[in-house]
Amino acid sequence: MKRYIIERDIPGIGAFSTTELCGAARSSNQALAEIGPGIQWEHSYVAGDKTFCLYLAEDEGAIRRHSELSGIPFSKVTEVSQIIDPLTANN
């Protein structure tokens, strides 16, 4: 599977309560269960009026289907071509 970063513009999400965030996660999990094994949610970062979500998926179509089923719109989908971290400097 490929790795994707999904950027979502959601006004005020940085101030959402734990209950509201749980509701969004629940909607996402229900959509993932319906789609099946071709997509996985790794985690999301909440920052101000945006979320940056990391997913594994067979293709961008699976990301779009997840958005439709979950009711959680996205602003941008970017395929991750490589991952680097501090240990990359040791190569």
N, C-alpha and C. Protein backbone atom coordinates (compact mmCIF):
# COMPACT_ATOMS: atom_id res chain seq x y z
N MET A 1 0.83 -1.18 0.00
CA MET A 1 0.00 0.00 0.00
C MET A 1 0.88 1.25 0.00
N LYS A 2 0.30 2.33 -0.46
CA LYS A 2 1.00 3.61 -0.50
C LYS A 2 0.62 4.42 0.74
N ARG A 3 1.48 5.35 1.09
CA ARG A 3 1.23 6.23 2.24
C ARG A 3 0.77 7.60 1.71
N TYR A 4 -0.25 8.16 2.37
CA TYR A 4 -0.80 9.45 1.98
C TYR A 4 -0.94 10.36 3.19
N ILE A 5 -0.75 11.66 2.95
CA ILE A 5 -1.09 12.69 3.92
C ILE A 5 -2.36 13.36 3.41
N ILE A 6 -3.37 13.38 4.25
CA ILE A 6 -4.64 14.02 3.89
C ILE A 6 -4.78 15.28 4.73
N GLU A 7 -4.86 16.41 4.05
CA GLU A 7 -5.03 17.70 4.72
C GLU A 7 -6.52 18.04 4.71
N ARG A 8 -7.04 18.36 5.89
CA ARG A 8 -8.46 18.70 6.01
C ARG A 8 -8.59 20.08 6.67
N ASP A 9 -9.33 20.96 6.03
CA ASP A 9 -9.64 22.27 6.61
C ASP A 9 -10.96 22.13 7.37
N ILE A 10 -10.87 22.18 8.69
CA ILE A 10 -12.05 22.02 9.53
C ILE A 10 -12.03 23.16 10.55
N PRO A 11 -12.76 24.25 10.27
CA PRO A 11 -12.73 25.41 11.16
C PRO A 11 -12.99 25.04 12.62
N GLY A 12 -12.11 25.49 13.49
CA GLY A 12 -12.27 25.30 14.92
C GLY A 12 -11.90 23.93 15.46
N ILE A 13 -11.39 23.03 14.64
CA ILE A 13 -11.12 21.67 15.12
C ILE A 13 -10.11 21.65 16.27
N GLY A 14 -9.21 22.60 16.29
CA GLY A 14 -8.23 22.65 17.37
C GLY A 14 -8.86 22.87 18.73
N ALA A 15 -10.09 23.38 18.75
CA ALA A 15 -10.80 23.62 20.01
C ALA A 15 -11.88 22.56 20.28
N PHE A 16 -11.95 21.51 19.43
CA PHE A 16 -12.95 20.46 19.62
C PHE A 16 -12.70 19.75 20.95
N SER A 17 -13.77 19.34 21.58
CA SER A 17 -13.67 18.57 22.82
C SER A 17 -13.26 17.13 22.49
N THR A 18 -12.87 16.41 23.52
CA THR A 18 -12.54 14.99 23.33
C THR A 18 -13.74 14.24 22.77
N THR A 19 -14.92 14.57 23.22
CA THR A 19 -16.15 13.92 22.74
C THR A 19 -16.34 14.17 21.25
N GLU A 20 -16.11 15.41 20.80
CA GLU A 20 -16.25 15.73 19.38
C GLU A 20 -15.21 15.00 18.54
N LEU A 21 -13.98 14.94 19.03
CA LEU A 21 -12.92 14.22 18.30
C LEU A 21 -13.22 12.73 18.26
N CYS A 22 -13.77 12.19 19.34
CA CYS A 22 -14.16 10.77 19.37
C CYS A 22 -15.23 10.50 18.31
N GLY A 23 -16.15 11.42 18.15
CA GLY A 23 -17.20 11.26 17.13
C GLY A 23 -16.62 11.22 15.73
N ALA A 24 -15.66 12.09 15.46
CA ALA A 24 -15.01 12.11 14.15
C ALA A 24 -14.24 10.80 13.92
N ALA A 25 -13.53 10.35 14.95
CA ALA A 25 -12.77 9.09 14.84
C ALA A 25 -13.72 7.92 14.62
N ARG A 26 -14.84 7.93 15.29
CA ARG A 26 -15.83 6.87 15.13
C ARG A 26 -16.36 6.83 13.70
N SER A 27 -16.66 8.00 13.12
CA SER A 27 -17.13 8.07 11.73
C SER A 27 -16.07 7.53 10.77
N SER A 28 -14.82 7.89 11.04
CA SER A 28 -13.72 7.41 10.21
C SER A 28 -13.60 5.89 10.30
N ASN A 29 -13.64 5.36 11.52
CA ASN A 29 -13.50 3.91 11.71
C ASN A 29 -14.63 3.13 11.05
N GLN A 30 -15.85 3.67 11.09
CA GLN A 30 -16.98 3.01 10.43
C GLN A 30 -16.77 2.95 8.92
N ALA A 31 -16.28 4.05 8.35
CA ALA A 31 -16.01 4.08 6.91
C ALA A 31 -14.90 3.09 6.55
N LEU A 32 -13.86 3.04 7.38
CA LEU A 32 -12.76 2.10 7.13
C LEU A 32 -13.26 0.66 7.16
N ALA A 33 -14.13 0.33 8.10
CA ALA A 33 -14.67 -1.02 8.20
C ALA A 33 -15.49 -1.37 6.96
N GLU A 34 -16.22 -0.39 6.44
CA GLU A 34 -17.05 -0.64 5.26
C GLU A 34 -16.19 -0.83 4.00
N ILE A 35 -15.11 -0.07 3.89
CA ILE A 35 -14.25 -0.18 2.70
C ILE A 35 -13.46 -1.49 2.72
N GLY A 36 -12.98 -1.88 3.89
CA GLY A 36 -12.23 -3.13 3.99
C GLY A 36 -10.74 -2.92 4.08
N PRO A 37 -9.97 -3.95 3.77
CA PRO A 37 -8.53 -3.94 4.04
C PRO A 37 -7.68 -3.06 3.13
N GLY A 38 -8.24 -2.39 2.16
CA GLY A 38 -7.47 -1.58 1.22
C GLY A 38 -7.08 -0.20 1.72
N ILE A 39 -7.40 0.08 3.00
CA ILE A 39 -7.09 1.40 3.56
C ILE A 39 -6.93 1.27 5.08
N GLN A 40 -5.96 2.02 5.63
CA GLN A 40 -5.72 2.03 7.07
C GLN A 40 -5.41 3.46 7.51
N TRP A 41 -5.97 3.84 8.63
CA TRP A 41 -5.68 5.14 9.23
C TRP A 41 -4.58 4.93 10.25
N GLU A 42 -3.46 5.63 10.10
CA GLU A 42 -2.37 5.51 11.06
C GLU A 42 -2.57 6.46 12.24
N HIS A 43 -2.69 7.76 11.97
CA HIS A 43 -2.96 8.76 13.00
C HIS A 43 -3.17 10.11 12.33
N SER A 44 -3.58 11.08 13.14
CA SER A 44 -3.82 12.44 12.64
C SER A 44 -3.22 13.45 13.60
N TYR A 45 -2.82 14.59 13.04
CA TYR A 45 -2.36 15.73 13.81
C TYR A 45 -3.43 16.80 13.71
N VAL A 46 -3.82 17.36 14.84
CA VAL A 46 -4.80 18.45 14.88
C VAL A 46 -4.03 19.72 15.16
N ALA A 47 -4.19 20.73 14.29
CA ALA A 47 -3.43 21.97 14.42
C ALA A 47 -4.30 23.14 13.94
N GLY A 48 -4.77 23.93 14.88
CA GLY A 48 -5.58 25.09 14.51
C GLY A 48 -6.86 24.68 13.82
N ASP A 49 -7.02 25.11 12.59
CA ASP A 49 -8.22 24.82 11.80
C ASP A 49 -7.99 23.71 10.79
N LYS A 50 -7.01 22.85 11.06
CA LYS A 50 -6.67 21.79 10.10
C LYS A 50 -6.38 20.49 10.83
N THR A 51 -6.53 19.40 10.08
CA THR A 51 -5.95 18.14 10.50
C THR A 51 -5.07 17.64 9.38
N PHE A 52 -4.03 16.93 9.75
CA PHE A 52 -3.13 16.28 8.81
C PHE A 52 -3.16 14.80 9.18
N CYS A 53 -3.75 14.01 8.32
CA CYS A 53 -4.00 12.60 8.62
C CYS A 53 -3.08 11.72 7.78
N LEU A 54 -2.52 10.71 8.40
CA LEU A 54 -1.64 9.78 7.72
C LEU A 54 -2.39 8.47 7.51
N TYR A 55 -2.51 8.08 6.24
CA TYR A 55 -3.23 6.87 5.86
C TYR A 55 -2.35 5.99 4.98
N LEU A 56 -2.59 4.70 5.04
CA LEU A 56 -2.07 3.76 4.07
C LEU A 56 -3.26 3.34 3.21
N ALA A 57 -3.07 3.34 1.89
CA ALA A 57 -4.18 2.97 1.01
C ALA A 57 -3.63 2.41 -0.29
N GLU A 58 -4.45 1.61 -0.93
CA GLU A 58 -4.06 1.03 -2.22
C GLU A 58 -3.91 2.12 -3.28
N ASP A 59 -4.79 3.13 -3.21
CA ASP A 59 -4.75 4.23 -4.18
C ASP A 59 -5.53 5.41 -3.64
N GLU A 60 -5.46 6.52 -4.35
CA GLU A 60 -6.15 7.74 -3.91
C GLU A 60 -7.66 7.57 -3.93
N GLY A 61 -8.15 6.68 -4.78
CA GLY A 61 -9.59 6.42 -4.83
C GLY A 61 -10.13 5.93 -3.49
N ALA A 62 -9.35 5.13 -2.78
CA ALA A 62 -9.77 4.64 -1.47
C ALA A 62 -9.88 5.80 -0.48
N ILE A 63 -8.99 6.77 -0.60
CA ILE A 63 -9.04 7.96 0.27
C ILE A 63 -10.31 8.74 -0.02
N ARG A 64 -10.62 8.91 -1.29
CA ARG A 64 -11.83 9.65 -1.68
C ARG A 64 -13.09 8.93 -1.19
N ARG A 65 -13.12 7.62 -1.33
CA ARG A 65 -14.27 6.83 -0.87
C ARG A 65 -14.43 6.96 0.64
N HIS A 66 -13.33 6.93 1.37
CA HIS A 66 -13.39 7.10 2.82
C HIS A 66 -14.01 8.44 3.18
N SER A 67 -13.60 9.49 2.48
CA SER A 67 -14.14 10.82 2.75
C SER A 67 -15.65 10.86 2.52
N GLU A 68 -16.09 10.24 1.42
CA GLU A 68 -17.52 10.21 1.11
C GLU A 68 -18.31 9.46 2.18
N LEU A 69 -17.83 8.29 2.58
CA LEU A 69 -18.54 7.46 3.56
C LEU A 69 -18.52 8.05 4.96
N SER A 70 -17.40 8.66 5.34
CA SER A 70 -17.27 9.20 6.69
C SER A 70 -17.92 10.57 6.84
N GLY A 71 -18.10 11.27 5.72
CA GLY A 71 -18.62 12.63 5.79
C GLY A 71 -17.57 13.64 6.22
N ILE A 72 -16.30 13.22 6.18
CA ILE A 72 -15.21 14.11 6.58
C ILE A 72 -14.49 14.55 5.31
N PRO A 73 -14.70 15.80 4.88
CA PRO A 73 -14.10 16.27 3.63
C PRO A 73 -12.58 16.46 3.76
N PHE A 74 -11.92 16.47 2.63
CA PHE A 74 -10.49 16.75 2.61
C PHE A 74 -10.22 17.91 1.68
N SER A 75 -9.12 18.61 1.93
CA SER A 75 -8.71 19.74 1.09
C SER A 75 -7.64 19.31 0.10
N LYS A 76 -6.78 18.37 0.53
CA LYS A 76 -5.67 17.98 -0.32
C LYS A 76 -5.21 16.58 0.08
N VAL A 77 -4.86 15.78 -0.93
CA VAL A 77 -4.29 14.45 -0.71
C VAL A 77 -2.92 14.43 -1.38
N THR A 78 -1.90 14.04 -0.63
CA THR A 78 -0.54 13.99 -1.16
C THR A 78 0.06 12.62 -0.88
N GLU A 79 0.54 11.98 -1.94
CA GLU A 79 1.22 10.70 -1.77
C GLU A 79 2.61 10.95 -1.21
N VAL A 80 3.00 10.18 -0.21
CA VAL A 80 4.33 10.30 0.40
C VAL A 80 5.29 9.45 -0.41
N SER A 81 6.34 10.07 -0.93
CA SER A 81 7.29 9.33 -1.77
C SER A 81 8.42 8.70 -0.96
N GLN A 82 8.81 9.35 0.14
CA GLN A 82 9.87 8.82 0.99
C GLN A 82 9.68 9.34 2.41
N ILE A 83 10.30 8.65 3.35
CA ILE A 83 10.29 9.10 4.75
C ILE A 83 11.75 9.28 5.17
N ILE A 84 12.02 10.41 5.80
CA ILE A 84 13.35 10.63 6.37
C ILE A 84 13.18 10.97 7.83
N ASP A 85 14.20 10.71 8.61
CA ASP A 85 14.20 11.02 10.02
C ASP A 85 15.65 11.25 10.45
N PRO A 86 15.93 11.52 11.71
CA PRO A 86 17.31 11.77 12.12
C PRO A 86 18.28 10.65 11.77
N LEU A 87 17.80 9.42 11.75
CA LEU A 87 18.67 8.30 11.42
C LEU A 87 19.07 8.26 9.94
N THR A 88 18.31 8.97 9.10
CA THR A 88 18.67 9.03 7.68
C THR A 88 20.08 9.60 7.50
N ALA A 89 20.50 10.46 8.39
CA ALA A 89 21.83 11.07 8.31
C ALA A 89 22.95 10.04 8.45
N ASN A 90 22.63 8.87 9.00
CA ASN A 90 23.64 7.84 9.20
C ASN A 90 23.87 6.96 7.98
N ASN A 91 23.09 7.14 6.95
CA ASN A 91 23.24 6.31 5.73
C ASN A 91 24.41 6.75 4.88
